[in-house]
Amino acid sequence: MRWMILRQSLLLAAAGLVAGVAGAVAGVRLVESMLYQLPARDPLTLAAAGAVMLITCVFAGYLPAQRASRVDLLVALRSE
């Protein structure tokens, strides 16, 4: 049960990460004009931002997954 909920959370995070990187690459010229002494295509910065996002999503998905794993499945199915 825990893995099922975490997997859904991580799939959404991966989709957001792909869309974010694509948006960052597409908006390079706009972003370069706003940055001071940092290239817009800095791979370390993109990787760090992606890692922070994935770690945040893991923690945000773990709490509901932990709560859901404590519920008795038969009781939950009978209550609906």
PDB file of N, CA and C in Angstrom:
ATOM      1  N   MET A   1       0.831  -1.186   0.000  1.00  0.00           N
ATOM      2  CA  MET A   1       0.000   0.000   0.000  1.00  0.00           C
ATOM      3  C   MET A   1       0.880   1.255   0.000  1.00  0.00           C
ATOM      4  N   ARG A   2       1.897   1.239   0.846  1.00  0.00           N
ATOM      5  CA  ARG A   2       2.788   2.393   0.926  1.00  0.00           C
ATOM      6  C   ARG A   2       3.474   2.664  -0.412  1.00  0.00           C
ATOM      7  N   TRP A   3       3.966   1.604  -1.038  1.00  0.00           N
ATOM      8  CA  TRP A   3       4.671   1.770  -2.302  1.00  0.00           C
ATOM      9  C   TRP A   3       3.730   2.276  -3.402  1.00  0.00           C
ATOM     10  N   MET A   4       2.482   1.839  -3.392  1.00  0.00           N
ATOM     11  CA  MET A   4       1.529   2.269  -4.404  1.00  0.00           C
ATOM     12  C   MET A   4       1.312   3.786  -4.333  1.00  0.00           C
ATOM     13  N   ILE A   5       1.163   4.315  -3.148  1.00  0.00           N
ATOM     14  CA  ILE A   5       0.941   5.751  -2.983  1.00  0.00           C
ATOM     15  C   ILE A   5       2.220   6.532  -3.295  1.00  0.00           C
ATOM     16  N   LEU A   6       3.352   6.039  -2.837  1.00  0.00           N
ATOM     17  CA  LEU A   6       4.624   6.709  -3.146  1.00  0.00           C
ATOM     18  C   LEU A   6       4.918   6.697  -4.644  1.00  0.00           C
ATOM     19  N   ARG A   7       4.567   5.616  -5.308  1.00  0.00           N
ATOM     20  CA  ARG A   7       4.794   5.527  -6.747  1.00  0.00           C
ATOM     21  C   ARG A   7       3.973   6.575  -7.498  1.00  0.00           C
ATOM     22  N   GLN A   8       2.721   6.773  -7.097  1.00  0.00           N
ATOM     23  CA  GLN A   8       1.888   7.792  -7.722  1.00  0.00           C
ATOM     24  C   GLN A   8       2.483   9.176  -7.508  1.00  0.00           C
ATOM     25  N   SER A   9       2.958   9.433  -6.326  1.00  0.00           N
ATOM     26  CA  SER A   9       3.576  10.722  -6.025  1.00  0.00           C
ATOM     27  C   SER A   9       4.841  10.938  -6.845  1.00  0.00           C
ATOM     28  N   LEU A  10       5.663   9.905  -6.970  1.00  0.00           N
ATOM     29  CA  LEU A  10       6.904  10.027  -7.730  1.00  0.00           C
ATOM     30  C   LEU A  10       6.657  10.146  -9.234  1.00  0.00           C
ATOM     31  N   LEU A  11       5.597   9.523  -9.740  1.00  0.00           N
ATOM     32  CA  LEU A  11       5.262   9.681 -11.155  1.00  0.00           C
ATOM     33  C   LEU A  11       4.863  11.125 -11.459  1.00  0.00           C
ATOM     34  N   LEU A  12       4.091  11.729 -10.579  1.00  0.00           N
ATOM     35  CA  LEU A  12       3.737  13.137 -10.760  1.00  0.00           C
ATOM     36  C   LEU A  12       4.966  14.030 -10.656  1.00  0.00           C
ATOM     37  N   ALA A  13       5.862  13.713  -9.736  1.00  0.00           N
ATOM     38  CA  ALA A  13       7.088  14.491  -9.594  1.00  0.00           C
ATOM     39  C   ALA A  13       7.965  14.368 -10.830  1.00  0.00           C
ATOM     40  N   ALA A  14       8.059  13.176 -11.384  1.00  0.00           N
ATOM     41  CA  ALA A  14       8.870  12.978 -12.587  1.00  0.00           C
ATOM     42  C   ALA A  14       8.282  13.742 -13.769  1.00  0.00           C
ATOM     43  N   ALA A  15       6.971  13.741 -13.892  1.00  0.00           N
ATOM     44  CA  ALA A  15       6.333  14.502 -14.970  1.00  0.00           C
ATOM     45  C   ALA A  15       6.590  15.995 -14.793  1.00  0.00           C
ATOM     46  N   GLY A  16       6.515  16.472 -13.573  1.00  0.00           N
ATOM     47  CA  GLY A  16       6.812  17.876 -13.300  1.00  0.00           C
ATOM     48  C   GLY A  16       8.264  18.221 -13.552  1.00  0.00           C
ATOM     49  N   LEU A  17       9.136  17.301 -13.234  1.00  0.00           N
ATOM     50  CA  LEU A  17      10.566  17.515 -13.466  1.00  0.00           C
ATOM     51  C   LEU A  17      10.873  17.606 -14.964  1.00  0.00           C
ATOM     52  N   VAL A  18      10.275  16.727 -15.743  1.00  0.00           N
ATOM     53  CA  VAL A  18      10.478  16.756 -17.195  1.00  0.00           C
ATOM     54  C   VAL A  18       9.928  18.052 -17.779  1.00  0.00           C
ATOM     55  N   ALA A  19       8.738  18.446 -17.349  1.00  0.00           N
ATOM     56  CA  ALA A  19       8.144  19.693 -17.847  1.00  0.00           C
ATOM     57  C   ALA A  19       8.967  20.901 -17.406  1.00  0.00           C
ATOM     58  N   GLY A  20       9.486  20.883 -16.197  1.00  0.00           N
ATOM     59  CA  GLY A  20      10.287  21.987 -15.699  1.00  0.00           C
ATOM     60  C   GLY A  20      11.606  22.134 -16.433  1.00  0.00           C
ATOM     61  N   VAL A  21      12.267  21.022 -16.690  1.00  0.00           N
ATOM     62  CA  VAL A  21      13.531  21.072 -17.431  1.00  0.00           C
ATOM     63  C   VAL A  21      13.275  21.531 -18.864  1.00  0.00           C
ATOM     64  N   ALA A  22      12.201  21.045 -19.470  1.00  0.00           N
ATOM     65  CA  ALA A  22      11.867  21.481 -20.825  1.00  0.00           C
ATOM     66  C   ALA A  22      11.570  22.981 -20.854  1.00  0.00           C
ATOM     67  N   GLY A  23      10.852  23.470 -19.848  1.00  0.00           N
ATOM     68  CA  GLY A  23      10.574  24.903 -19.764  1.00  0.00           C
ATOM     69  C   GLY A  23      11.823  25.719 -19.517  1.00  0.00           C
ATOM     70  N   ALA A  24      12.730  25.191 -18.716  1.00  0.00           N
ATOM     71  CA  ALA A  24      13.985  25.900 -18.450  1.00  0.00           C
ATOM     72  C   ALA A  24      14.847  25.984 -19.694  1.00  0.00           C
ATOM     73  N   VAL A  25      14.885  24.895 -20.447  1.00  0.00           N
ATOM     74  CA  VAL A  25      15.665  24.901 -21.678  1.00  0.00           C
ATOM     75  C   VAL A  25      15.029  25.834 -22.708  1.00  0.00           C
ATOM     76  N   ALA A  26      13.706  25.847 -22.764  1.00  0.00           N
ATOM     77  CA  ALA A  26      13.010  26.703 -23.730  1.00  0.00           C
ATOM     78  C   ALA A  26      13.153  28.183 -23.388  1.00  0.00           C
ATOM     79  N   GLY A  27      13.243  28.515 -22.121  1.00  0.00           N
ATOM     80  CA  GLY A  27      13.330  29.916 -21.722  1.00  0.00           C
ATOM     81  C   GLY A  27      14.726  30.383 -21.380  1.00  0.00           C
ATOM     82  N   VAL A  28      15.734  29.794 -21.985  1.00  0.00           N
ATOM     83  CA  VAL A  28      17.131  30.101 -21.665  1.00  0.00           C
ATOM     84  C   VAL A  28      17.442  31.583 -21.869  1.00  0.00           C
ATOM     85  N   ARG A  29      17.026  32.158 -22.961  1.00  0.00           N
ATOM     86  CA  ARG A  29      17.373  33.558 -23.245  1.00  0.00           C
ATOM     87  C   ARG A  29      16.747  34.506 -22.223  1.00  0.00           C
ATOM     88  N   LEU A  30      15.515  34.241 -21.846  1.00  0.00           N
ATOM     89  CA  LEU A  30      14.859  35.083 -20.846  1.00  0.00           C
ATOM     90  C   LEU A  30      15.537  34.948 -19.488  1.00  0.00           C
ATOM     91  N   VAL A  31      15.876  33.735 -19.126  1.00  0.00           N
ATOM     92  CA  VAL A  31      16.491  33.482 -17.826  1.00  0.00           C
ATOM     93  C   VAL A  31      17.911  34.054 -17.770  1.00  0.00           C
ATOM     94  N   GLU A  32      18.647  33.972 -18.870  1.00  0.00           N
ATOM     95  CA  GLU A  32      20.017  34.490 -18.891  1.00  0.00           C
ATOM     96  C   GLU A  32      20.071  35.985 -18.616  1.00  0.00           C
ATOM     97  N   SER A  33      19.066  36.710 -19.045  1.00  0.00           N
ATOM     98  CA  SER A  33      19.069  38.151 -18.808  1.00  0.00           C
ATOM     99  C   SER A  33      18.828  38.486 -17.339  1.00  0.00           C
ATOM    100  N   MET A  34      18.281  37.552 -16.568  1.00  0.00           N
ATOM    101  CA  MET A  34      17.979  37.796 -15.153  1.00  0.00           C
ATOM    102  C   MET A  34      19.060  37.280 -14.209  1.00  0.00           C
ATOM    103  N   LEU A  35      19.974  36.462 -14.695  1.00  0.00           N
ATOM    104  CA  LEU A  35      20.998  35.860 -13.841  1.00  0.00           C
ATOM    105  C   LEU A  35      22.276  36.689 -13.862  1.00  0.00           C
ATOM    106  N   TYR A  36      22.985  36.672 -12.758  1.00  0.00           N
ATOM    107  CA  TYR A  36      24.244  37.398 -12.650  1.00  0.00           C
ATOM    108  C   TYR A  36      25.363  36.396 -12.454  1.00  0.00           C
ATOM    109  N   GLN A  37      26.237  36.285 -13.395  1.00  0.00           N
ATOM    110  CA  GLN A  37      27.407  35.408 -13.372  1.00  0.00           C
ATOM    111  C   GLN A  37      27.053  33.933 -13.147  1.00  0.00           C
ATOM    112  N   LEU A  38      25.939  33.508 -13.716  1.00  0.00           N
ATOM    113  CA  LEU A  38      25.558  32.095 -13.662  1.00  0.00           C
ATOM    114  C   LEU A  38      24.939  31.736 -15.002  1.00  0.00           C
ATOM    115  N   PRO A  39      25.507  30.764 -15.692  1.00  0.00           N
ATOM    116  CA  PRO A  39      24.924  30.401 -16.985  1.00  0.00           C
ATOM    117  C   PRO A  39      23.557  29.734 -16.797  1.00  0.00           C
ATOM    118  N   ALA A  40      22.650  30.010 -17.703  1.00  0.00           N
ATOM    119  CA  ALA A  40      21.296  29.456 -17.598  1.00  0.00           C
ATOM    120  C   ALA A  40      21.276  27.951 -17.824  1.00  0.00           C
ATOM    121  N   ARG A  41      22.277  27.430 -18.488  1.00  0.00           N
ATOM    122  CA  ARG A  41      22.346  25.988 -18.749  1.00  0.00           C
ATOM    123  C   ARG A  41      23.275  25.285 -17.764  1.00  0.00           C
ATOM    124  N   ASP A  42      23.394  25.782 -16.571  1.00  0.00           N
ATOM    125  CA  ASP A  42      24.273  25.197 -15.557  1.00  0.00           C
ATOM    126  C   ASP A  42      23.704  23.851 -15.109  1.00  0.00           C
ATOM    127  N   PRO A  43      24.356  22.737 -15.448  1.00  0.00           N
ATOM    128  CA  PRO A  43      23.792  21.428 -15.116  1.00  0.00           C
ATOM    129  C   PRO A  43      23.746  21.153 -13.609  1.00  0.00           C
ATOM    130  N   LEU A  44      24.695  21.695 -12.868  1.00  0.00           N
ATOM    131  CA  LEU A  44      24.690  21.474 -11.423  1.00  0.00           C
ATOM    132  C   LEU A  44      23.470  22.123 -10.774  1.00  0.00           C
ATOM    133  N   THR A  45      23.127  23.321 -11.207  1.00  0.00           N
ATOM    134  CA  THR A  45      21.958  24.010 -10.665  1.00  0.00           C
ATOM    135  C   THR A  45      20.675  23.283 -11.026  1.00  0.00           C
ATOM    136  N   LEU A  46      20.562  22.840 -12.278  1.00  0.00           N
ATOM    137  CA  LEU A  46      19.365  22.090 -12.690  1.00  0.00           C
ATOM    138  C   LEU A  46      19.248  20.771 -11.921  1.00  0.00           C
ATOM    139  N   ALA A  47      20.365  20.091 -11.735  1.00  0.00           N
ATOM    140  CA  ALA A  47      20.341  18.824 -10.999  1.00  0.00           C
ATOM    141  C   ALA A  47      19.979  19.050  -9.526  1.00  0.00           C
ATOM    142  N   ALA A  48      20.515  20.099  -8.931  1.00  0.00           N
ATOM    143  CA  ALA A  48      20.207  20.388  -7.527  1.00  0.00           C
ATOM    144  C   ALA A  48      18.730  20.742  -7.356  1.00  0.00           C
ATOM    145  N   ALA A  49      18.194  21.540  -8.272  1.00  0.00           N
ATOM    146  CA  ALA A  49      16.774  21.901  -8.193  1.00  0.00           C
ATOM    147  C   ALA A  49      15.890  20.671  -8.374  1.00  0.00           C
ATOM    148  N   GLY A  50      16.269  19.793  -9.289  1.00  0.00           N
ATOM    149  CA  GLY A  50      15.510  18.562  -9.490  1.00  0.00           C
ATOM    150  C   GLY A  50      15.572  17.641  -8.283  1.00  0.00           C
ATOM    151  N   ALA A  51      16.745  17.545  -7.672  1.00  0.00           N
ATOM    152  CA  ALA A  51      16.899  16.702  -6.481  1.00  0.00           C
ATOM    153  C   ALA A  51      16.081  17.228  -5.317  1.00  0.00           C
ATOM    154  N   VAL A  52      16.075  18.543  -5.140  1.00  0.00           N
ATOM    155  CA  VAL A  52      15.267  19.140  -4.060  1.00  0.00           C
ATOM    156  C   VAL A  52      13.788  18.859  -4.294  1.00  0.00           C
ATOM    157  N   MET A  53      13.353  18.971  -5.546  1.00  0.00           N
ATOM    158  CA  MET A  53      11.952  18.710  -5.848  1.00  0.00           C
ATOM    159  C   MET A  53      11.590  17.245  -5.593  1.00  0.00           C
ATOM    160  N   LEU A  54      12.445  16.327  -6.013  1.00  0.00           N
ATOM    161  CA  LEU A  54      12.152  14.908  -5.805  1.00  0.00           C
ATOM    162  C   LEU A  54      12.153  14.536  -4.324  1.00  0.00           C
ATOM    163  N   ILE A  55      13.082  15.071  -3.561  1.00  0.00           N
ATOM    164  CA  ILE A  55      13.129  14.791  -2.119  1.00  0.00           C
ATOM    165  C   ILE A  55      11.880  15.336  -1.435  1.00  0.00           C
ATOM    166  N   THR A  56      11.467  16.528  -1.826  1.00  0.00           N
ATOM    167  CA  THR A  56      10.248  17.113  -1.260  1.00  0.00           C
ATOM    168  C   THR A  56       9.033  16.257  -1.590  1.00  0.00           C
ATOM    169  N   CYS A  57       8.960  15.758  -2.815  1.00  0.00           N
ATOM    170  CA  CYS A  57       7.829  14.912  -3.202  1.00  0.00           C
ATOM    171  C   CYS A  57       7.822  13.583  -2.465  1.00  0.00           C
ATOM    172  N   VAL A  58       8.994  13.040  -2.200  1.00  0.00           N
ATOM    173  CA  VAL A  58       9.060  11.786  -1.439  1.00  0.00           C
ATOM    174  C   VAL A  58       8.527  12.006  -0.025  1.00  0.00           C
ATOM    175  N   PHE A  59       8.948  13.082   0.617  1.00  0.00           N
ATOM    176  CA  PHE A  59       8.452  13.363   1.966  1.00  0.00           C
ATOM    177  C   PHE A  59       6.959  13.685   1.957  1.00  0.00           C
ATOM    178  N   ALA A  60       6.505  14.421   0.941  1.00  0.00           N
ATOM    179  CA  ALA A  60       5.081  14.766   0.862  1.00  0.00           C
ATOM    180  C   ALA A  60       4.223  13.544   0.567  1.00  0.00           C
ATOM    181  N   GLY A  61       4.747  12.573  -0.138  1.00  0.00           N
ATOM    182  CA  GLY A  61       3.997  11.354  -0.418  1.00  0.00           C
ATOM    183  C   GLY A  61       4.109  10.316   0.675  1.00  0.00           C
ATOM    184  N   TYR A  62       5.167  10.386   1.473  1.00  0.00           N
ATOM    185  CA  TYR A  62       5.374   9.371   2.507  1.00  0.00           C
ATOM    186  C   TYR A  62       4.365   9.495   3.640  1.00  0.00           C
ATOM    187  N   LEU A  63       4.031  10.712   4.030  1.00  0.00           N
ATOM    188  CA  LEU A  63       3.102  10.879   5.148  1.00  0.00           C
ATOM    189  C   LEU A  63       1.717  10.301   4.852  1.00  0.00           C
ATOM    190  N   PRO A  64       1.090  10.604   3.708  1.00  0.00           N
ATOM    191  CA  PRO A  64      -0.186   9.948   3.407  1.00  0.00           C
ATOM    192  C   PRO A  64      -0.043   8.436   3.209  1.00  0.00           C
ATOM    193  N   ALA A  65       1.078   8.000   2.667  1.00  0.00           N
ATOM    194  CA  ALA A  65       1.292   6.569   2.479  1.00  0.00           C
ATOM    195  C   ALA A  65       1.393   5.856   3.823  1.00  0.00           C
ATOM    196  N   GLN A  66       2.064   6.473   4.766  1.00  0.00           N
ATOM    197  CA  GLN A  66       2.182   5.894   6.111  1.00  0.00           C
ATOM    198  C   GLN A  66       0.814   5.804   6.768  1.00  0.00           C
ATOM    199  N   ARG A  67       0.024   6.849   6.628  1.00  0.00           N
ATOM    200  CA  ARG A  67      -1.314   6.858   7.212  1.00  0.00           C
ATOM    201  C   ARG A  67      -2.204   5.804   6.555  1.00  0.00           C
ATOM    202  N   ALA A  68      -2.114   5.669   5.238  1.00  0.00           N
ATOM    203  CA  ALA A  68      -2.941   4.704   4.516  1.00  0.00           C
ATOM    204  C   ALA A  68      -2.541   3.273   4.838  1.00  0.00           C
ATOM    205  N   SER A  69      -1.291   3.027   5.143  1.00  0.00           N
ATOM    206  CA  SER A  69      -0.858   1.670   5.448  1.00  0.00           C
ATOM    207  C   SER A  69      -1.340   1.199   6.810  1.00  0.00           C
ATOM    208  N   ARG A  70      -1.758   2.113   7.645  1.00  0.00           N
ATOM    209  CA  ARG A  70      -2.268   1.739   8.976  1.00  0.00           C
ATOM    210  C   ARG A  70      -3.739   1.336   8.958  1.00  0.00           C
ATOM    211  N   VAL A  71      -4.445   1.654   7.874  1.00  0.00           N
ATOM    212  CA  VAL A  71      -5.871   1.359   7.782  1.00  0.00           C
ATOM    213  C   VAL A  71      -6.057  -0.094   7.385  1.00  0.00           C
ATOM    214  N   ASP A  72      -6.979  -0.771   8.055  1.00  0.00           N
ATOM    215  CA  ASP A  72      -7.304  -2.141   7.697  1.00  0.00           C
ATOM    216  C   ASP A  72      -8.095  -2.120   6.384  1.00  0.00           C
ATOM    217  N   LEU A  73      -7.610  -2.826   5.370  1.00  0.00           N
ATOM    218  CA  LEU A  73      -8.203  -2.756   4.050  1.00  0.00           C
ATOM    219  C   LEU A  73      -9.637  -3.293   4.014  1.00  0.00           C
ATOM    220  N   LEU A  74      -9.913  -4.343   4.754  1.00  0.00           N
ATOM    221  CA  LEU A  74     -11.270  -4.891   4.761  1.00  0.00           C
ATOM    222  C   LEU A  74     -12.266  -3.910   5.386  1.00  0.00           C
ATOM    223  N   VAL A  75     -11.869  -3.246   6.426  1.00  0.00           N
ATOM    224  CA  VAL A  75     -12.732  -2.240   7.062  1.00  0.00           C
ATOM    225  C   VAL A  75     -12.967  -1.075   6.111  1.00  0.00           C
ATOM    226  N   ALA A  76     -11.930  -0.648   5.426  1.00  0.00           N
ATOM    227  CA  ALA A  76     -12.047   0.469   4.490  1.00  0.00           C
ATOM    228  C   ALA A  76     -12.962   0.113   3.321  1.00  0.00           C
ATOM    229  N   LEU A  77     -12.868  -1.122   2.815  1.00  0.00           N
ATOM    230  CA  LEU A  77     -13.709  -1.538   1.699  1.00  0.00           C
ATOM    231  C   LEU A  77     -15.161  -1.697   2.130  1.00  0.00           C
ATOM    232  N   ARG A  78     -15.406  -2.160   3.316  1.00  0.00           N
ATOM    233  CA  ARG A  78     -16.787  -2.350   3.790  1.00  0.00           C
ATOM    234  C   ARG A  78     -17.466  -1.013   4.096  1.00  0.00           C
ATOM    235  N   SER A  79     -16.707   0.019   4.423  1.00  0.00           N
ATOM    236  CA  SER A  79     -17.307   1.283   4.802  1.00  0.00           C
ATOM    237  C   SER A  79     -17.849   2.061   3.592  1.00  0.00           C
ATOM    238  N   GLU A  80     -17.417   1.721   2.409  1.00  0.00           N
ATOM    239  CA  GLU A  80     -17.906   2.428   1.207  1.00  0.00           C
ATOM    240  C   GLU A  80     -19.131   1.823   0.731  1.00  0.00           C
TER     241      GLU A  80
END
